[in-house]
């Protein structure tokens, strides 16, 4: 359990940019007080882990019939694969 650091609002105003860096680096909250009473809490943003599942969603395209029969050689029909006008 850690003690939250407190700072007066006037001092926070003067040192704001430095304190933002400190909170990000220490990963600990900072309580801002006004006349001795807590009024705000500055907390670091939680880094979300990268989700590898579904990352490529929406980036592919289906061209033609993907369930149609294959030819005798095991290849898809070129017209269905590439669309009309495009040949191998």
Protein backbone atom coordinates (compact mmCIF):
# COMPACT_ATOMS: atom_id res chain seq x y z
CA UNK A 1 0.00 0.00 0.00
CA UNK A 2 1.43 3.38 -0.99
CA UNK A 3 0.75 6.83 0.40
CA UNK A 4 -0.64 9.18 -2.21
CA UNK A 5 1.43 12.34 -2.57
CA UNK A 6 -0.48 15.59 -2.05
CA UNK A 7 0.22 19.05 -3.39
CA UNK A 8 -1.48 22.43 -3.08
CA UNK A 9 -3.34 23.71 -6.14
CA UNK A 10 -1.14 26.82 -6.43
CA UNK A 11 2.03 24.74 -6.42
CA UNK A 12 0.47 22.28 -8.88
CA UNK A 13 -0.30 25.16 -11.23
CA UNK A 14 3.32 26.34 -11.12
CA UNK A 15 4.82 22.85 -11.61
CA UNK A 16 2.11 21.19 -13.71
CA UNK A 17 4.24 19.85 -16.60
CA UNK A 18 6.92 18.48 -14.28
CA UNK A 19 4.31 16.81 -12.06
CA UNK A 20 2.60 15.20 -15.08
CA UNK A 21 5.92 13.61 -16.04
CA UNK A 22 6.52 12.48 -12.45
CA UNK A 23 3.10 10.82 -12.18
CA UNK A 24 3.64 9.02 -15.48
CA UNK A 25 7.10 7.83 -14.45
CA UNK A 26 6.26 6.77 -10.88
CA UNK A 27 2.89 5.30 -11.88
CA UNK A 28 1.47 6.72 -8.63
CA UNK A 29 -1.45 9.15 -8.15
CA UNK A 30 -1.11 12.75 -7.01
CA UNK A 31 -3.83 14.41 -4.90
CA UNK A 32 -4.34 18.14 -5.47
CA UNK A 33 -5.65 20.14 -2.52
CA UNK A 34 -7.25 23.54 -2.19
CA UNK A 35 -7.09 25.13 1.27
CA UNK A 36 -6.02 21.76 2.68
CA UNK A 37 -8.98 19.79 1.28
CA UNK A 38 -8.54 17.28 -1.57
CA UNK A 39 -10.26 18.49 -4.75
CA UNK A 40 -8.70 16.41 -7.53
CA UNK A 41 -6.63 13.31 -8.15
CA UNK A 42 -4.13 13.01 -11.00
CA UNK A 43 -3.60 9.37 -11.95
CA UNK A 44 -1.49 7.74 -14.67
CA UNK A 45 -3.28 6.23 -17.65
CA UNK A 46 -3.34 2.45 -17.62
CA UNK A 47 -1.65 0.94 -20.65
CA UNK A 48 -4.02 -1.49 -22.32
CA UNK A 49 -2.42 -4.72 -23.53
CA UNK A 50 -2.45 -5.24 -27.28
CA UNK A 51 -5.15 -7.71 -28.26
CA UNK A 52 -3.85 -9.86 -31.10
CA UNK A 53 -7.21 -11.47 -31.80
CA UNK A 54 -9.27 -9.57 -34.34
CA UNK A 55 -6.46 -7.11 -35.05
CA UNK A 56 -6.76 -7.56 -38.84
CA UNK A 57 -10.57 -7.38 -38.84
CA UNK A 58 -11.93 -5.48 -41.83
CA UNK A 59 -8.67 -5.46 -43.79
CA UNK A 60 -9.39 -8.35 -46.18
CA UNK A 61 -11.69 -8.57 -49.21
CA UNK A 62 -13.51 -11.51 -50.72
CA UNK A 63 -13.39 -11.51 -54.51
CA UNK A 64 -15.79 -13.89 -56.17
CA UNK A 65 -17.13 -17.23 -55.03
CA UNK A 66 -15.19 -18.62 -52.08
CA UNK A 67 -17.26 -21.81 -51.75
CA UNK A 68 -17.50 -22.77 -55.43
CA UNK A 69 -16.04 -26.03 -56.76
CA UNK A 70 -12.40 -26.40 -57.77
CA UNK A 71 -11.34 -27.52 -61.25
CA UNK A 72 -9.78 -30.95 -61.93
CA UNK A 73 -6.34 -29.68 -60.91
CA UNK A 74 -7.50 -28.43 -57.52
CA UNK A 75 -7.43 -24.76 -58.53
CA UNK A 76 -10.26 -22.32 -58.16
CA UNK A 77 -11.98 -21.12 -61.31
CA UNK A 78 -10.03 -18.02 -62.46
CA UNK A 79 -13.21 -16.09 -63.32
CA UNK A 80 -14.64 -16.64 -59.84
CA UNK A 81 -11.30 -15.93 -58.18
CA UNK A 82 -10.36 -12.69 -59.94
CA UNK A 83 -13.69 -11.46 -61.30
CA UNK A 84 -14.66 -10.79 -64.87
CA UNK A 85 -12.05 -9.44 -67.29
CA UNK A 86 -9.05 -10.52 -65.22
CA UNK A 87 -7.33 -13.73 -66.28
CA UNK A 88 -4.28 -15.61 -65.12
